[in-house]
Protein backbone atom coordinates (compact mmCIF):
# COMPACT_ATOMS: atom_id res chain seq x y z
CA UNK A 1 26.87 43.57 -27.82
CA UNK A 2 23.29 44.85 -27.90
CA UNK A 3 20.68 44.24 -25.24
CA UNK A 4 16.97 43.59 -25.56
CA UNK A 5 15.03 46.86 -25.52
CA UNK A 6 13.85 47.91 -22.07
CA UNK A 7 10.30 46.65 -21.71
CA UNK A 8 10.49 44.35 -24.75
CA UNK A 9 9.14 40.85 -24.44
CA UNK A 10 11.68 38.03 -24.01
CA UNK A 11 10.20 36.56 -27.19
CA UNK A 12 10.13 33.01 -28.43
CA UNK A 13 13.56 31.98 -27.15
CA UNK A 14 13.08 29.58 -24.20
CA UNK A 15 13.91 31.21 -20.88
CA UNK A 16 16.96 29.98 -19.02
CA UNK A 17 17.98 31.68 -15.79
CA UNK A 18 21.39 31.67 -14.13
CA UNK A 19 20.88 32.44 -10.44
CA UNK A 20 23.47 33.47 -7.86
CA UNK A 21 22.64 33.05 -4.18
CA UNK A 22 21.65 29.40 -3.93
CA UNK A 23 22.10 29.30 -0.14
CA UNK A 24 20.34 32.61 0.45
CA UNK A 25 16.70 33.15 1.28
CA UNK A 26 15.71 34.99 -1.91
CA UNK A 27 17.90 32.76 -4.09
CA UNK A 28 16.25 29.64 -2.69
CA UNK A 29 12.74 31.01 -3.17
CA UNK A 30 13.60 32.05 -6.73
CA UNK A 31 14.60 28.49 -7.61
CA UNK A 32 11.29 27.15 -6.24
CA UNK A 33 9.37 29.73 -8.30
CA UNK A 34 11.23 28.70 -11.45
CA UNK A 35 10.36 25.07 -10.76
CA UNK A 36 6.70 25.99 -10.23
CA UNK A 37 6.65 27.92 -13.52
CA UNK A 38 8.66 25.24 -15.39
CA UNK A 39 11.43 27.76 -16.14
CA UNK A 40 14.82 26.21 -16.83
CA UNK A 41 17.35 27.51 -14.29
CA UNK A 42 20.80 26.76 -12.90
CA UNK A 43 22.49 28.06 -9.78
CA UNK A 44 25.84 29.67 -10.46
CA UNK A 45 28.83 27.96 -8.86
CA UNK A 46 31.32 30.77 -9.45
CA UNK A 47 32.28 33.35 -6.85
CA UNK A 48 31.06 36.85 -7.69
CA UNK A 49 34.46 38.45 -7.25
CA UNK A 50 36.12 35.86 -9.55
CA UNK A 51 35.53 37.02 -13.11
CA UNK A 52 36.82 33.84 -14.77
CA UNK A 53 34.45 31.67 -12.72
CA UNK A 54 31.46 33.83 -13.75
CA UNK A 55 32.48 33.62 -17.41
CA UNK A 56 32.75 29.84 -17.06
CA UNK A 57 29.23 29.67 -15.57
CA UNK A 58 27.76 31.69 -18.43
CA UNK A 59 29.61 29.64 -21.05
CA UNK A 60 28.31 26.41 -19.53
CA UNK A 61 24.72 27.49 -18.83
CA UNK A 62 24.07 29.85 -21.79
CA UNK A 63 21.38 31.75 -19.87
CA UNK A 64 18.87 34.24 -21.27
CA UNK A 65 18.94 36.23 -17.99
CA UNK A 66 21.09 36.36 -14.85
CA UNK A 67 19.73 36.94 -11.33
CA UNK A 68 21.90 38.08 -8.43
CA UNK A 69 20.49 37.19 -5.03
CA UNK A 70 23.94 36.77 -3.49
CA UNK A 71 25.45 39.27 -1.12
CA UNK A 72 26.56 39.86 2.43
CA UNK A 73 23.90 41.04 4.87
CA UNK A 74 25.64 39.73 7.98
CA UNK A 75 24.72 37.14 10.60
CA UNK A 76 22.75 37.53 12.74
CA UNK A 77 22.27 41.05 11.33
CA UNK A 78 23.99 43.92 9.51
CA UNK A 79 26.08 44.75 12.60
CA UNK A 80 28.41 41.94 11.37
CA UNK A 81 29.41 44.14 8.44
CA UNK A 82 30.77 46.81 10.79
CA UNK A 83 33.57 44.45 11.87
CA UNK A 84 34.00 42.65 8.52
CA UNK A 85 34.34 45.57 6.13
CA UNK A 86 36.71 44.00 3.59
CA UNK A 87 34.55 40.86 3.30
CA UNK A 88 31.50 43.08 2.82
CA UNK A 89 33.23 45.11 0.09
CA UNK A 90 34.48 41.97 -1.64
CA UNK A 91 30.99 40.58 -2.18
CA UNK A 92 28.66 43.59 -2.14
CA UNK A 93 30.85 45.93 -4.20
CA UNK A 94 33.55 44.06 -6.13
CA UNK A 95 31.43 40.95 -6.70
CA UNK A 96 28.26 42.71 -7.82
CA UNK A 97 30.15 45.03 -10.18
CA UNK A 98 32.11 42.13 -11.65
CA UNK A 99 28.92 40.19 -12.34
CA UNK A 100 27.27 43.26 -13.92
CA UNK A 101 30.31 43.81 -16.13
CA UNK A 102 30.53 40.16 -17.24
CA UNK A 103 26.81 40.17 -18.07
CA UNK A 104 27.24 43.37 -20.06
CA UNK A 105 30.10 41.80 -22.02
CA UNK A 106 27.86 38.84 -22.84
CA UNK A 107 24.81 40.94 -23.77
CA UNK A 108 22.80 39.70 -20.78
CA UNK A 109 20.37 41.53 -18.51
CA UNK A 110 21.15 41.21 -14.80
CA UNK A 111 18.29 41.30 -12.30
CA UNK A 112 19.99 42.47 -9.11
CA UNK A 113 18.21 42.22 -5.75
CA UNK A 114 19.49 45.30 -3.95
CA UNK A 115 18.21 47.20 -0.92
CA UNK A 116 16.07 50.22 -0.18
CA UNK A 117 17.78 50.60 3.21
CA UNK A 118 19.84 53.47 1.79
CA UNK A 119 17.38 56.21 2.75
CA UNK A 120 16.07 57.70 5.98
CA UNK A 121 13.20 60.07 6.65
CA UNK A 122 14.26 63.71 6.19
CA UNK A 123 12.75 67.17 5.86
CA UNK A 124 11.76 66.50 2.25
CA UNK A 125 10.31 63.10 3.11
CA UNK A 126 8.96 63.44 6.66
CA UNK A 127 7.73 60.42 8.60
CA UNK A 128 3.99 60.04 8.13
CA UNK A 129 3.82 62.45 5.18
CA UNK A 130 3.19 59.83 2.49
CA UNK A 131 6.01 61.38 0.45
CA UNK A 132 8.28 58.51 -0.50
CA UNK A 133 11.76 58.47 -1.98
CA UNK A 134 11.74 57.94 -5.75
CA UNK A 135 14.05 55.84 -7.90
CA UNK A 136 16.11 58.85 -8.98
CA UNK A 137 16.66 60.19 -5.45
CA UNK A 138 20.18 60.13 -4.04
CA UNK A 139 20.63 57.85 -1.00
CA UNK A 140 20.88 59.81 2.25
CA UNK A 141 21.47 57.04 4.81
CA UNK A 142 25.03 55.99 5.56
CA UNK A 143 24.50 54.95 9.18
CA UNK A 144 25.64 51.37 8.61
CA UNK A 145 28.56 50.08 6.59
CA UNK A 146 26.21 47.62 4.89
CA UNK A 147 23.99 50.46 3.62
CA UNK A 148 27.02 52.50 2.64
CA UNK A 149 28.33 49.73 0.36
CA UNK A 150 24.88 49.19 -1.15
CA UNK A 151 24.51 52.91 -1.94
CA UNK A 152 27.97 52.95 -3.58
CA UNK A 153 27.10 49.97 -5.78
CA UNK A 154 23.72 51.37 -6.80
CA UNK A 155 25.36 54.61 -7.94
CA UNK A 156 27.94 52.72 -10.02
CA UNK A 157 25.39 50.29 -11.48
CA UNK A 158 23.46 53.23 -12.95
CA UNK A 159 26.14 53.25 -15.65
CA UNK A 160 25.34 49.68 -16.73
CA UNK A 161 22.46 49.74 -19.20
CA UNK A 162 21.92 45.99 -18.73
CA UNK A 163 21.13 46.04 -14.98
CA UNK A 164 17.72 45.98 -13.30
CA UNK A 165 18.20 47.10 -9.68
CA UNK A 166 15.43 46.06 -7.30
CA UNK A 167 15.37 47.92 -3.99
CA UNK A 168 14.08 45.34 -1.50
CA UNK A 169 13.13 46.46 2.04
CA UNK A 170 12.49 44.52 5.25
CA UNK A 171 11.46 41.39 3.32
CA UNK A 172 8.51 39.36 4.54
CA UNK A 173 7.26 35.94 3.42
CA UNK A 174 4.48 33.54 4.35
CA UNK A 175 7.07 31.28 5.99
CA UNK A 176 6.86 32.52 9.58
CA UNK A 177 9.46 29.98 10.71
CA UNK A 178 12.22 31.63 8.65
CA UNK A 179 14.52 33.69 10.91
CA UNK A 180 15.22 36.12 8.02
CA UNK A 181 11.52 37.01 7.79
CA UNK A 182 10.95 40.52 9.19
CA UNK A 183 7.80 39.38 11.01
CA UNK A 184 9.61 36.43 12.57
CA UNK A 185 12.42 38.75 13.67
CA UNK A 186 10.21 41.28 15.42
CA UNK A 187 8.08 38.62 17.14
CA UNK A 188 11.29 37.32 18.73
CA UNK A 189 12.73 40.66 19.81
CA UNK A 190 12.48 41.62 23.45
CA UNK A 191 11.46 45.13 22.39
CA UNK A 192 10.66 46.76 19.04
CA UNK A 193 10.59 50.31 17.72
CA UNK A 194 7.33 51.45 16.18
CA UNK A 195 8.04 53.23 12.91
CA UNK A 196 6.14 53.07 9.58
CA UNK A 197 8.30 51.60 6.80
CA UNK A 198 8.09 50.41 3.23
CA UNK A 199 8.40 46.63 3.04
CA UNK A 200 8.59 43.84 0.45
CA UNK A 201 6.16 40.90 0.52
CA UNK A 202 8.24 38.27 -1.28
CA UNK A 203 5.30 35.98 -2.07
CA UNK A 204 3.84 38.74 -4.26
CA UNK A 205 6.97 40.49 -5.50
CA UNK A 206 9.38 37.68 -6.39
CA UNK A 207 7.06 36.41 -9.15
CA UNK A 208 6.94 40.01 -10.40
CA UNK A 209 10.76 40.03 -10.64
CA UNK A 210 10.57 37.00 -12.95
CA UNK A 211 8.01 38.87 -15.06
CA UNK A 212 10.38 41.87 -15.13
CA UNK A 213 13.05 39.61 -16.61
CA UNK A 214 10.58 38.40 -19.23
CA UNK A 215 9.90 42.05 -20.12
CA UNK A 216 13.64 42.84 -20.15
CA UNK A 217 13.16 45.74 -17.73
CA UNK A 218 16.25 47.59 -16.55
CA UNK A 219 17.08 50.59 -14.35
CA UNK A 220 16.27 51.19 -10.68
CA UNK A 221 12.95 50.08 -9.17
CA UNK A 222 11.60 50.59 -5.67
CA UNK A 223 10.74 46.94 -5.09
CA UNK A 224 8.23 47.34 -2.27
CA UNK A 225 4.48 47.19 -1.88
CA UNK A 226 2.84 50.63 -2.01
CA UNK A 227 2.38 52.40 1.31
CA UNK A 228 3.93 51.84 4.73
CA UNK A 229 3.21 49.71 7.77
CA UNK A 230 4.53 50.09 11.32
CA UNK A 231 5.96 47.41 13.59
CA UNK A 232 2.98 47.69 15.94
CA UNK A 233 0.47 47.38 13.09
CA UNK A 234 2.14 44.14 11.95
CA UNK A 235 2.21 42.74 15.47
CA UNK A 236 -1.44 43.63 16.01
CA UNK A 237 -2.36 41.68 12.84
CA UNK A 238 -0.09 38.85 14.04
CA UNK A 239 -2.00 38.72 17.32
CA UNK A 240 -5.32 38.78 15.47
CA UNK A 241 -4.45 35.96 13.02
CA UNK A 242 -1.71 33.86 14.62
CA UNK A 243 -1.46 34.17 18.41
CA UNK A 244 -4.21 35.92 20.41
CA UNK A 245 -1.99 35.87 23.51
CA UNK A 246 0.98 37.57 21.85
CA UNK A 247 2.33 40.68 23.60
CA UNK A 248 5.24 43.01 22.88
CA UNK A 249 7.04 46.04 24.24
CA UNK A 250 8.15 49.15 22.42
CA UNK A 251 11.25 51.22 22.90
CA UNK A 252 12.53 54.42 21.34
CA UNK A 253 15.20 54.82 18.67
CA UNK A 254 17.47 56.21 21.40
CA UNK A 255 16.94 53.09 23.50
CA UNK A 256 17.42 50.86 20.45
CA UNK A 257 20.73 52.60 19.68
CA UNK A 258 22.15 51.26 22.95
CA UNK A 259 21.75 47.62 21.90
CA UNK A 260 22.81 47.76 18.21
CA UNK A 261 26.19 48.61 16.70
CA UNK A 262 24.97 50.49 13.62
CA UNK A 263 21.83 52.64 13.14
CA UNK A 264 18.99 51.19 11.06
CA UNK A 265 17.30 52.77 8.06
CA UNK A 266 13.64 53.82 8.32
CA UNK A 267 11.93 55.20 5.23
CA UNK A 268 9.06 55.21 2.77
CA UNK A 269 9.82 54.37 -0.85
CA UNK A 270 7.52 55.58 -3.61
CA UNK A 271 6.34 52.41 -5.38
CA UNK A 272 4.29 54.19 -8.08
CA UNK A 273 6.71 53.22 -10.89
CA UNK A 274 6.29 49.52 -10.05
CA UNK A 275 2.54 49.92 -9.57
CA UNK A 276 2.25 51.55 -13.00
CA UNK A 277 4.07 48.61 -14.62
CA UNK A 278 2.13 46.06 -12.54
CA UNK A 279 -1.31 47.57 -11.72
CA UNK A 280 -2.36 44.43 -9.81
CA UNK A 281 0.29 45.12 -7.11
CA UNK A 282 -1.37 45.24 -3.68
CA UNK A 283 -0.73 47.80 -0.94
CA UNK A 284 1.49 46.62 1.90
CA UNK A 285 -1.37 45.96 4.31
CA UNK A 286 -3.51 44.18 1.70
CA UNK A 287 -0.54 42.05 0.68
CA UNK A 288 0.26 41.16 4.30
CA UNK A 289 -3.26 39.84 4.84
CA UNK A 290 -3.55 37.99 1.53
CA UNK A 291 -0.09 36.43 1.23
CA UNK A 292 1.11 36.08 4.82
CA UNK A 293 -1.59 36.08 7.49
CA UNK A 294 -4.56 34.45 5.76
CA UNK A 295 -2.56 31.35 4.67
CA UNK A 296 -1.04 31.01 8.14
CA UNK A 297 -4.37 31.49 9.87
CA UNK A 298 -5.66 28.35 8.14
CA UNK A 299 -2.66 26.24 9.13
CA UNK A 300 -2.62 27.38 12.76
CA UNK A 301 -6.31 26.71 13.21
CA UNK A 302 -6.97 30.11 14.78
């Protein structure tokens, strides 16, 4: 079955989205965005690794596009995946590939929220150089089992012409009470490392992912705001806007390694492909101020 041309407009057919990941952070936000934009949507009830249940969902919903925001990241963090490898494979590998294959059979584009935590700074992309990893670069970070499964899936999904892979990194939202929010996490840590990273401001980028579906875009996309920001820079802005008495302590990667099971990915992704498609996309620091700190400054009365 043929697919809409990459970059073509969704046309006059009314949009209807089938979304997986109802209980997840991104999946929940996606539903609220659809409501705000009056887009018809349904959350999938099938399990990703159960092909028949996915086919039943599609038959019942008759979607124009499918979104996958389901997946195992681990609770409270990706260290969980180190001791639950089969469960991680079942969802992140088998489930995602099954959904991609069912969508392909049905002629549907799948918007898949993936991860950019599959790279680490190296000699070709040194920390602080401004040289980011591009969409076609081969993942070089296999420090955690979570990242390893995500890199495997991304490589396999390249063969599916109906999949739009969005590499999300260290997601941030304006909801500073959400424990999944990167800012909320680091404000609660006893100590933090201080490394510049590419990050994803969900308030700005999730609406863009809906627009990408409307344009029927496929392939791999670095789904981050342009540029990098360090932990300390974020916490300094947090102190300026949210809590003038906030303090924090740094520690080194070597010290961090003693309190985590699996190493963490640190990298810069080149967001120029996304910026070219969406010229209005703000840099990471601009987006942080506009979408996260300014709104919260007003509510906290600082």
